[in-house]
């Protein structure tokens, strides 16, 4: 069974807002960032353990992972059936433990 991607509402809102702001300067850059994030998530569907454990997750048993691309950090949790996108933040923002 293949995993599916499920987005937390706040992650979707944050990414949409950031892409909208970036597109004011460059639509091409906004598309590049969006495609890079989605491409990495597609990889995570097949290889969820490819990216390192999320160092900001307390008591992480290994199923909370994160990656950075184009100055954005994407945190996700994987199970046998899904990749849940928990949070997207710009890397210059103060990290939040959870």
PDB file of N, CA and C in Angstrom:
ATOM      1  N   UNK A   1       0.845  -1.183   0.000  1.00  0.00           N
ATOM      2  CA  UNK A   1       0.000   0.000   0.000  1.00  0.00           C
ATOM      3  C   UNK A   1       0.893   1.251   0.000  1.00  0.00           C
ATOM      4  N   UNK A   2       0.580   2.180  -0.847  1.00  0.00           N
ATOM      5  CA  UNK A   2       1.356   3.416  -0.934  1.00  0.00           C
ATOM      6  C   UNK A   2       0.837   4.440   0.065  1.00  0.00           C
ATOM      7  N   UNK A   3       1.755   5.171   0.648  1.00  0.00           N
ATOM      8  CA  UNK A   3       1.380   6.249   1.569  1.00  0.00           C
ATOM      9  C   UNK A   3       0.797   7.414   0.787  1.00  0.00           C
ATOM     10  N   UNK A   4      -0.019   8.206   1.467  1.00  0.00           N
ATOM     11  CA  UNK A   4      -0.520   9.432   0.856  1.00  0.00           C
ATOM     12  C   UNK A   4      -0.061  10.609   1.703  1.00  0.00           C
ATOM     13  N   UNK A   5       0.017  11.763   1.098  1.00  0.00           N
ATOM     14  CA  UNK A   5       0.414  12.982   1.795  1.00  0.00           C
ATOM     15  C   UNK A   5      -0.829  13.654   2.361  1.00  0.00           C
ATOM     16  N   UNK A   6      -0.757  13.990   3.647  1.00  0.00           N
ATOM     17  CA  UNK A   6      -1.840  14.698   4.338  1.00  0.00           C
ATOM     18  C   UNK A   6      -1.224  15.945   4.955  1.00  0.00           C
ATOM     19  N   UNK A   7      -1.833  17.092   4.678  1.00  0.00           N
ATOM     20  CA  UNK A   7      -1.306  18.366   5.163  1.00  0.00           C
ATOM     21  C   UNK A   7      -2.073  18.864   6.376  1.00  0.00           C
ATOM     22  N   UNK A   8      -1.366  19.315   7.406  1.00  0.00           N
ATOM     23  CA  UNK A   8      -2.006  20.044   8.492  1.00  0.00           C
ATOM     24  C   UNK A   8      -2.417  21.410   7.954  1.00  0.00           C
ATOM     25  N   UNK A   9      -3.528  21.897   8.432  1.00  0.00           N
ATOM     26  CA  UNK A   9      -4.090  23.158   7.938  1.00  0.00           C
ATOM     27  C   UNK A   9      -3.099  24.324   8.056  1.00  0.00           C
ATOM     28  N   UNK A  10      -2.417  24.426   9.189  1.00  0.00           N
ATOM     29  CA  UNK A  10      -1.485  25.537   9.390  1.00  0.00           C
ATOM     30  C   UNK A  10      -0.302  25.470   8.421  1.00  0.00           C
ATOM     31  N   UNK A  11       0.155  24.276   8.106  1.00  0.00           N
ATOM     32  CA  UNK A  11       1.264  24.124   7.163  1.00  0.00           C
ATOM     33  C   UNK A  11       0.853  24.604   5.768  1.00  0.00           C
ATOM     34  N   UNK A  12      -0.354  24.266   5.362  1.00  0.00           N
ATOM     35  CA  UNK A  12      -0.863  24.702   4.053  1.00  0.00           C
ATOM     36  C   UNK A  12      -0.972  26.225   4.019  1.00  0.00           C
ATOM     37  N   UNK A  13      -1.547  26.797   5.062  1.00  0.00           N
ATOM     38  CA  UNK A  13      -1.712  28.254   5.118  1.00  0.00           C
ATOM     39  C   UNK A  13      -0.366  28.961   5.054  1.00  0.00           C
ATOM     40  N   UNK A  14       0.595  28.491   5.840  1.00  0.00           N
ATOM     41  CA  UNK A  14       1.901  29.134   5.886  1.00  0.00           C
ATOM     42  C   UNK A  14       2.589  29.062   4.530  1.00  0.00           C
ATOM     43  N   UNK A  15       2.584  27.881   3.919  1.00  0.00           N
ATOM     44  CA  UNK A  15       3.241  27.737   2.625  1.00  0.00           C
ATOM     45  C   UNK A  15       2.573  28.611   1.570  1.00  0.00           C
ATOM     46  N   UNK A  16       1.256  28.620   1.532  1.00  0.00           N
ATOM     47  CA  UNK A  16       0.536  29.442   0.553  1.00  0.00           C
ATOM     48  C   UNK A  16       0.878  30.920   0.727  1.00  0.00           C
ATOM     49  N   UNK A  17       0.921  31.381   1.962  1.00  0.00           N
ATOM     50  CA  UNK A  17       1.240  32.780   2.230  1.00  0.00           C
ATOM     51  C   UNK A  17       2.663  33.116   1.794  1.00  0.00           C
ATOM     52  N   UNK A  18       3.598  32.234   2.111  1.00  0.00           N
ATOM     53  CA  UNK A  18       4.989  32.475   1.732  1.00  0.00           C
ATOM     54  C   UNK A  18       5.173  32.474   0.216  1.00  0.00           C
ATOM     55  N   UNK A  19       4.527  31.544  -0.455  1.00  0.00           N
ATOM     56  CA  UNK A  19       4.641  31.489  -1.911  1.00  0.00           C
ATOM     57  C   UNK A  19       4.010  32.720  -2.562  1.00  0.00           C
ATOM     58  N   UNK A  20       2.926  33.202  -1.978  1.00  0.00           N
ATOM     59  CA  UNK A  20       2.281  34.414  -2.495  1.00  0.00           C
ATOM     60  C   UNK A  20       3.225  35.609  -2.368  1.00  0.00           C
ATOM     61  N   UNK A  21       3.883  35.725  -1.227  1.00  0.00           N
ATOM     62  CA  UNK A  21       4.828  36.827  -1.016  1.00  0.00           C
ATOM     63  C   UNK A  21       6.015  36.727  -1.978  1.00  0.00           C
ATOM     64  N   UNK A  22       6.549  35.543  -2.138  1.00  0.00           N
ATOM     65  CA  UNK A  22       7.688  35.339  -3.039  1.00  0.00           C
ATOM     66  C   UNK A  22       7.290  35.647  -4.477  1.00  0.00           C
ATOM     67  N   UNK A  23       6.078  35.263  -4.859  1.00  0.00           N
ATOM     68  CA  UNK A  23       5.638  35.476  -6.245  1.00  0.00           C
ATOM     69  C   UNK A  23       5.481  36.956  -6.581  1.00  0.00           C
ATOM     70  N   UNK A  24       5.357  37.817  -5.579  1.00  0.00           N
ATOM     71  CA  UNK A  24       5.312  39.257  -5.849  1.00  0.00           C
ATOM     72  C   UNK A  24       6.616  39.737  -6.465  1.00  0.00           C
ATOM     73  N   UNK A  25       7.716  39.101  -6.074  1.00  0.00           N
ATOM     74  CA  UNK A  25       9.037  39.430  -6.624  1.00  0.00           C
ATOM     75  C   UNK A  25       9.359  38.573  -7.845  1.00  0.00           C
ATOM     76  N   UNK A  26       8.980  37.283  -7.757  1.00  0.00           N
ATOM     77  CA  UNK A  26       9.330  36.358  -8.835  1.00  0.00           C
ATOM     78  C   UNK A  26       8.415  35.130  -8.808  1.00  0.00           C
ATOM     79  N   UNK A  27       7.569  35.036  -9.788  1.00  0.00           N
ATOM     80  CA  UNK A  27       6.695  33.862  -9.900  1.00  0.00           C
ATOM     81  C   UNK A  27       7.537  32.611 -10.117  1.00  0.00           C
ATOM     82  N   UNK A  28       8.591  32.761 -10.882  1.00  0.00           N
ATOM     83  CA  UNK A  28       9.466  31.623 -11.174  1.00  0.00           C
ATOM     84  C   UNK A  28      10.099  31.066  -9.892  1.00  0.00           C
ATOM     85  N   UNK A  29      10.547  31.958  -9.003  1.00  0.00           N
ATOM     86  CA  UNK A  29      11.136  31.495  -7.738  1.00  0.00           C
ATOM     87  C   UNK A  29      10.091  30.809  -6.857  1.00  0.00           C
ATOM     88  N   UNK A  30       8.890  31.352  -6.817  1.00  0.00           N
ATOM     89  CA  UNK A  30       7.821  30.726  -6.029  1.00  0.00           C
ATOM     90  C   UNK A  30       7.537  29.318  -6.553  1.00  0.00           C
ATOM     91  N   UNK A  31       7.480  29.162  -7.856  1.00  0.00           N
ATOM     92  CA  UNK A  31       7.244  27.841  -8.454  1.00  0.00           C
ATOM     93  C   UNK A  31       8.406  26.894  -8.165  1.00  0.00           C
ATOM     94  N   UNK A  32       9.620  27.419  -8.217  1.00  0.00           N
ATOM     95  CA  UNK A  32      10.807  26.613  -7.943  1.00  0.00           C
ATOM     96  C   UNK A  32      10.774  26.065  -6.517  1.00  0.00           C
ATOM     97  N   UNK A  33      10.425  26.921  -5.563  1.00  0.00           N
ATOM     98  CA  UNK A  33      10.358  26.503  -4.164  1.00  0.00           C
ATOM     99  C   UNK A  33       9.244  25.476  -3.961  1.00  0.00           C
ATOM    100  N   UNK A  34       8.082  25.769  -4.506  1.00  0.00           N
ATOM    101  CA  UNK A  34       6.958  24.836  -4.374  1.00  0.00           C
ATOM    102  C   UNK A  34       7.307  23.474  -4.969  1.00  0.00           C
ATOM    103  N   UNK A  35       7.891  23.466  -6.148  1.00  0.00           N
ATOM    104  CA  UNK A  35       8.258  22.204  -6.794  1.00  0.00           C
ATOM    105  C   UNK A  35       9.320  21.445  -6.005  1.00  0.00           C
ATOM    106  N   UNK A  36      10.262  22.167  -5.414  1.00  0.00           N
ATOM    107  CA  UNK A  36      11.317  21.516  -4.630  1.00  0.00           C
ATOM    108  C   UNK A  36      10.723  20.833  -3.396  1.00  0.00           C
ATOM    109  N   UNK A  37       9.819  21.524  -2.725  1.00  0.00           N
ATOM    110  CA  UNK A  37       9.183  20.947  -1.531  1.00  0.00           C
ATOM    111  C   UNK A  37       8.354  19.723  -1.919  1.00  0.00           C
ATOM    112  N   UNK A  38       7.543  19.864  -2.947  1.00  0.00           N
ATOM    113  CA  UNK A  38       6.689  18.740  -3.369  1.00  0.00           C
ATOM    114  C   UNK A  38       7.503  17.555  -3.862  1.00  0.00           C
ATOM    115  N   UNK A  39       8.599  17.821  -4.533  1.00  0.00           N
ATOM    116  CA  UNK A  39       9.465  16.749  -5.016  1.00  0.00           C
ATOM    117  C   UNK A  39      10.059  15.951  -3.854  1.00  0.00           C
ATOM    118  N   UNK A  40      10.509  16.654  -2.842  1.00  0.00           N
ATOM    119  CA  UNK A  40      11.060  15.957  -1.674  1.00  0.00           C
ATOM    120  C   UNK A  40       9.992  15.163  -0.947  1.00  0.00           C
ATOM    121  N   UNK A  41       8.790  15.693  -0.907  1.00  0.00           N
ATOM    122  CA  UNK A  41       7.696  14.958  -0.262  1.00  0.00           C
ATOM    123  C   UNK A  41       7.344  13.701  -1.051  1.00  0.00           C
ATOM    124  N   UNK A  42       7.410  13.771  -2.364  1.00  0.00           N
ATOM    125  CA  UNK A  42       7.171  12.581  -3.189  1.00  0.00           C
ATOM    126  C   UNK A  42       8.211  11.507  -2.885  1.00  0.00           C
ATOM    127  N   UNK A  43       9.450  11.929  -2.661  1.00  0.00           N
ATOM    128  CA  UNK A  43      10.497  10.978  -2.278  1.00  0.00           C
ATOM    129  C   UNK A  43      10.186  10.370  -0.917  1.00  0.00           C
ATOM    130  N   UNK A  44       9.688  11.198   0.008  1.00  0.00           N
ATOM    131  CA  UNK A  44       9.370  10.715   1.360  1.00  0.00           C
ATOM    132  C   UNK A  44       8.250   9.682   1.353  1.00  0.00           C
ATOM    133  N   UNK A  45       7.369   9.741   0.371  1.00  0.00           N
ATOM    134  CA  UNK A  45       6.309   8.733   0.274  1.00  0.00           C
ATOM    135  C   UNK A  45       6.922   7.335   0.145  1.00  0.00           C
ATOM    136  N   UNK A  46       7.931   7.226  -0.696  1.00  0.00           N
ATOM    137  CA  UNK A  46       8.562   5.930  -0.954  1.00  0.00           C
ATOM    138  C   UNK A  46       9.635   5.607   0.086  1.00  0.00           C
ATOM    139  N   UNK A  47      10.412   6.624   0.469  1.00  0.00           N
ATOM    140  CA  UNK A  47      11.512   6.441   1.420  1.00  0.00           C
ATOM    141  C   UNK A  47      11.346   7.421   2.590  1.00  0.00           C
ATOM    142  N   UNK A  48      10.421   7.159   3.490  1.00  0.00           N
ATOM    143  CA  UNK A  48      10.131   8.127   4.557  1.00  0.00           C
ATOM    144  C   UNK A  48      11.294   8.363   5.523  1.00  0.00           C
ATOM    145  N   UNK A  49      12.224   7.417   5.593  1.00  0.00           N
ATOM    146  CA  UNK A  49      13.349   7.564   6.511  1.00  0.00           C
ATOM    147  C   UNK A  49      14.569   8.191   5.849  1.00  0.00           C
ATOM    148  N   UNK A  50      14.410   8.661   4.621  1.00  0.00           N
ATOM    149  CA  UNK A  50      15.528   9.258   3.893  1.00  0.00           C
ATOM    150  C   UNK A  50      16.059  10.506   4.596  1.00  0.00           C
ATOM    151  N   UNK A  51      15.164  11.316   5.104  1.00  0.00           N
ATOM    152  CA  UNK A  51      15.564  12.571   5.733  1.00  0.00           C
ATOM    153  C   UNK A  51      15.828  12.351   7.216  1.00  0.00           C
ATOM    154  N   UNK A  52      16.643  13.218   7.821  1.00  0.00           N
ATOM    155  CA  UNK A  52      17.017  13.000   9.224  1.00  0.00           C
ATOM    156  C   UNK A  52      15.856  13.156  10.197  1.00  0.00           C
ATOM    157  N   UNK A  53      16.036  12.551  11.369  1.00  0.00           N
ATOM    158  CA  UNK A  53      15.047  12.699  12.433  1.00  0.00           C
ATOM    159  C   UNK A  53      14.898  14.176  12.757  1.00  0.00           C
ATOM    160  N   UNK A  54      13.675  14.586  13.081  1.00  0.00           N
ATOM    161  CA  UNK A  54      13.412  15.978  13.423  1.00  0.00           C
ATOM    162  C   UNK A  54      14.005  16.260  14.803  1.00  0.00           C
ATOM    163  N   UNK A  55      15.052  17.058  14.822  1.00  0.00           N
ATOM    164  CA  UNK A  55      15.764  17.328  16.074  1.00  0.00           C
ATOM    165  C   UNK A  55      14.961  18.195  17.041  1.00  0.00           C
ATOM    166  N   UNK A  56      13.880  18.815  16.571  1.00  0.00           N
ATOM    167  CA  UNK A  56      13.060  19.656  17.440  1.00  0.00           C
ATOM    168  C   UNK A  56      11.863  18.906  18.036  1.00  0.00           C
ATOM    169  N   UNK A  57      11.705  17.648  17.682  1.00  0.00           N
ATOM    170  CA  UNK A  57      10.614  16.838  18.226  1.00  0.00           C
ATOM    171  C   UNK A  57      11.095  16.146  19.497  1.00  0.00           C
ATOM    172  N   UNK A  58      10.400  16.417  20.592  1.00  0.00           N
ATOM    173  CA  UNK A  58      10.735  15.761  21.857  1.00  0.00           C
ATOM    174  C   UNK A  58      10.298  14.298  21.780  1.00  0.00           C
ATOM    175  N   UNK A  59      11.080  13.423  22.360  1.00  0.00           N
ATOM    176  CA  UNK A  59      10.773  11.985  22.392  1.00  0.00           C
ATOM    177  C   UNK A  59      10.476  11.425  21.007  1.00  0.00           C
ATOM    178  N   UNK A  60      11.345  11.723  20.083  1.00  0.00           N
ATOM    179  CA  UNK A  60      11.172  11.262  18.704  1.00  0.00           C
ATOM    180  C   UNK A  60      11.642   9.816  18.570  1.00  0.00           C
ATOM    181  N   UNK A  61      10.707   8.925  18.272  1.00  0.00           N
ATOM    182  CA  UNK A  61      11.024   7.506  18.092  1.00  0.00           C
ATOM    183  C   UNK A  61      11.582   7.220  16.695  1.00  0.00           C
ATOM    184  N   UNK A  62      11.658   8.248  15.857  1.00  0.00           N
ATOM    185  CA  UNK A  62      12.219   8.079  14.518  1.00  0.00           C
ATOM    186  C   UNK A  62      11.217   8.288  13.405  1.00  0.00           C
ATOM    187  N   UNK A  63       9.938   8.417  13.722  1.00  0.00           N
ATOM    188  CA  UNK A  63       8.951   8.605  12.665  1.00  0.00           C
ATOM    189  C   UNK A  63       8.623  10.081  12.420  1.00  0.00           C
ATOM    190  N   UNK A  64       9.275  10.986  13.147  1.00  0.00           N
ATOM    191  CA  UNK A  64       9.172  12.417  12.881  1.00  0.00           C
ATOM    192  C   UNK A  64      10.462  12.826  12.173  1.00  0.00           C
ATOM    193  N   UNK A  65      10.329  13.322  10.966  1.00  0.00           N
ATOM    194  CA  UNK A  65      11.480  13.663  10.134  1.00  0.00           C
ATOM    195  C   UNK A  65      11.366  15.096   9.650  1.00  0.00           C
ATOM    196  N   UNK A  66      12.465  15.636   9.123  1.00  0.00           N
ATOM    197  CA  UNK A  66      12.449  17.000   8.601  1.00  0.00           C
ATOM    198  C   UNK A  66      13.518  17.149   7.526  1.00  0.00           C
ATOM    199  N   UNK A  67      13.272  18.077   6.621  1.00  0.00           N
ATOM    200  CA  UNK A  67      14.269  18.423   5.613  1.00  0.00           C
ATOM    201  C   UNK A  67      14.203  19.918   5.353  1.00  0.00           C
ATOM    202  N   UNK A  68      15.284  20.445   4.798  1.00  0.00           N
ATOM    203  CA  UNK A  68      15.330  21.851   4.432  1.00  0.00           C
ATOM    204  C   UNK A  68      15.602  21.969   2.946  1.00  0.00           C
ATOM    205  N   UNK A  69      14.922  22.920   2.336  1.00  0.00           N
ATOM    206  CA  UNK A  69      15.156  23.239   0.933  1.00  0.00           C
ATOM    207  C   UNK A  69      14.781  24.692   0.701  1.00  0.00           C
ATOM    208  N   UNK A  70      15.611  25.403  -0.029  1.00  0.00           N
ATOM    209  CA  UNK A  70      15.355  26.803  -0.376  1.00  0.00           C
ATOM    210  C   UNK A  70      14.958  27.630   0.852  1.00  0.00           C
ATOM    211  N   UNK A  71      15.659  27.438   1.951  1.00  0.00           N
ATOM    212  CA  UNK A  71      15.457  28.183   3.200  1.00  0.00           C
ATOM    213  C   UNK A  71      14.135  27.882   3.909  1.00  0.00           C
ATOM    214  N   UNK A  72      13.502  26.773   3.577  1.00  0.00           N
ATOM    215  CA  UNK A  72      12.300  26.345   4.285  1.00  0.00           C
ATOM    216  C   UNK A  72      12.557  24.988   4.918  1.00  0.00           C
ATOM    217  N   UNK A  73      12.061  24.829   6.134  1.00  0.00           N
ATOM    218  CA  UNK A  73      12.186  23.567   6.861  1.00  0.00           C
ATOM    219  C   UNK A  73      10.810  22.916   6.924  1.00  0.00           C
ATOM    220  N   UNK A  74      10.733  21.684   6.460  1.00  0.00           N
ATOM    221  CA  UNK A  74       9.475  20.945   6.416  1.00  0.00           C
ATOM    222  C   UNK A  74       9.576  19.780   7.394  1.00  0.00           C
ATOM    223  N   UNK A  75       8.641  19.738   8.348  1.00  0.00           N
ATOM    224  CA  UNK A  75       8.587  18.655   9.331  1.00  0.00           C
ATOM    225  C   UNK A  75       7.410  17.754   9.009  1.00  0.00           C
ATOM    226  N   UNK A  76       7.645  16.454   9.093  1.00  0.00           N
ATOM    227  CA  UNK A  76       6.566  15.507   8.810  1.00  0.00           C
ATOM    228  C   UNK A  76       6.660  14.293   9.721  1.00  0.00           C
ATOM    229  N   UNK A  77       5.548  13.596   9.822  1.00  0.00           N
ATOM    230  CA  UNK A  77       5.464  12.334  10.565  1.00  0.00           C
ATOM    231  C   UNK A  77       4.990  11.269   9.589  1.00  0.00           C
ATOM    232  N   UNK A  78       5.619  10.127   9.626  1.00  0.00           N
ATOM    233  CA  UNK A  78       5.179   9.075   8.712  1.00  0.00           C
ATOM    234  C   UNK A  78       4.640   7.871   9.468  1.00  0.00           C
ATOM    235  N   UNK A  79       3.665   7.235   8.825  1.00  0.00           N
ATOM    236  CA  UNK A  79       3.110   5.969   9.291  1.00  0.00           C
ATOM    237  C   UNK A  79       3.122   5.032   8.088  1.00  0.00           C
ATOM    238  N   UNK A  80       2.525   3.863   8.228  1.00  0.00           N
ATOM    239  CA  UNK A  80       2.453   2.931   7.099  1.00  0.00           C
ATOM    240  C   UNK A  80       1.540   3.438   5.985  1.00  0.00           C
ATOM    241  N   UNK A  81       0.634   4.359   6.318  1.00  0.00           N
ATOM    242  CA  UNK A  81      -0.354   4.794   5.328  1.00  0.00           C
ATOM    243  C   UNK A  81      -0.238   6.247   4.889  1.00  0.00           C
ATOM    244  N   UNK A  82       0.529   7.069   5.649  1.00  0.00           N
ATOM    245  CA  UNK A  82       0.577   8.479   5.270  1.00  0.00           C
ATOM    246  C   UNK A  82       1.860   9.187   5.688  1.00  0.00           C
ATOM    247  N   UNK A  83       2.084  10.295   4.994  1.00  0.00           N
ATOM    248  CA  UNK A  83       3.097  11.275   5.365  1.00  0.00           C
ATOM    249  C   UNK A  83       2.296  12.507   5.765  1.00  0.00           C
ATOM    250  N   UNK A  84       2.327  12.868   7.039  1.00  0.00           N
ATOM    251  CA  UNK A  84       1.560  14.035   7.507  1.00  0.00           C
ATOM    252  C   UNK A  84       2.517  15.210   7.641  1.00  0.00           C
ATOM    253  N   UNK A  85       2.248  16.267   6.852  1.00  0.00           N
ATOM    254  CA  UNK A  85       3.052  17.478   6.901  1.00  0.00           C
ATOM    255  C   UNK A  85       2.597  18.269   8.128  1.00  0.00           C
ATOM    256  N   UNK A  86       3.482  18.397   9.091  1.00  0.00           N
ATOM    257  CA  UNK A  86       3.140  19.023  10.360  1.00  0.00           C
ATOM    258  C   UNK A  86       3.390  20.523  10.362  1.00  0.00           C
ATOM    259  N   UNK A  87       4.517  20.911   9.772  1.00  0.00           N
ATOM    260  CA  UNK A  87       4.925  22.309   9.891  1.00  0.00           C
ATOM    261  C   UNK A  87       5.887  22.669   8.768  1.00  0.00           C
ATOM    262  N   UNK A  88       5.750  23.891   8.286  1.00  0.00           N
ATOM    263  CA  UNK A  88       6.713  24.467   7.356  1.00  0.00           C
ATOM    264  C   UNK A  88       7.093  25.820   7.938  1.00  0.00           C
ATOM    265  N   UNK A  89       8.386  26.054   8.061  1.00  0.00           N
ATOM    266  CA  UNK A  89       8.866  27.323   8.612  1.00  0.00           C
ATOM    267  C   UNK A  89      10.091  27.774   7.841  1.00  0.00           C
ATOM    268  N   UNK A  90      10.270  29.076   7.772  1.00  0.00           N
ATOM    269  CA  UNK A  90      11.489  29.611   7.185  1.00  0.00           C
ATOM    270  C   UNK A  90      12.622  29.321   8.163  1.00  0.00           C
ATOM    271  N   UNK A  91      13.787  28.992   7.654  1.00  0.00           N
ATOM    272  CA  UNK A  91      14.891  28.594   8.536  1.00  0.00           C
ATOM    273  C   UNK A  91      15.404  29.736   9.413  1.00  0.00           C
ATOM    274  N   UNK A  92      15.094  30.973   9.060  1.00  0.00           N
ATOM    275  CA  UNK A  92      15.523  32.105   9.890  1.00  0.00           C
ATOM    276  C   UNK A  92      14.580  32.358  11.069  1.00  0.00           C
ATOM    277  N   UNK A  93      13.431  31.687  11.076  1.00  0.00           N
ATOM    278  CA  UNK A  93      12.534  31.807  12.216  1.00  0.00           C
ATOM    279  C   UNK A  93      13.096  30.981  13.371  1.00  0.00           C
ATOM    280  N   UNK A  94      12.804  31.414  14.579  1.00  0.00           N
ATOM    281  CA  UNK A  94      13.245  30.655  15.745  1.00  0.00           C
ATOM    282  C   UNK A  94      12.549  29.287  15.724  1.00  0.00           C
ATOM    283  N   UNK A  95      13.324  28.208  15.839  1.00  0.00           N
ATOM    284  CA  UNK A  95      12.710  26.869  15.820  1.00  0.00           C
ATOM    285  C   UNK A  95      11.766  26.665  16.996  1.00  0.00           C
ATOM    286  N   UNK A  96      10.726  25.873  16.779  1.00  0.00           N
ATOM    287  CA  UNK A  96       9.781  25.523  17.831  1.00  0.00           C
ATOM    288  C   UNK A  96       9.917  24.046  18.138  1.00  0.00           C
ATOM    289  N   UNK A  97      10.090  23.743  19.401  1.00  0.00           N
ATOM    290  CA  UNK A  97      10.049  22.342  19.800  1.00  0.00           C
ATOM    291  C   UNK A  97       8.601  21.934  19.943  1.00  0.00           C
ATOM    292  N   UNK A  98       8.325  20.681  19.745  1.00  0.00           N
ATOM    293  CA  UNK A  98       6.963  20.187  19.909  1.00  0.00           C
ATOM    294  C   UNK A  98       6.991  18.772  20.412  1.00  0.00           C
TER     295      UNK A  98
END
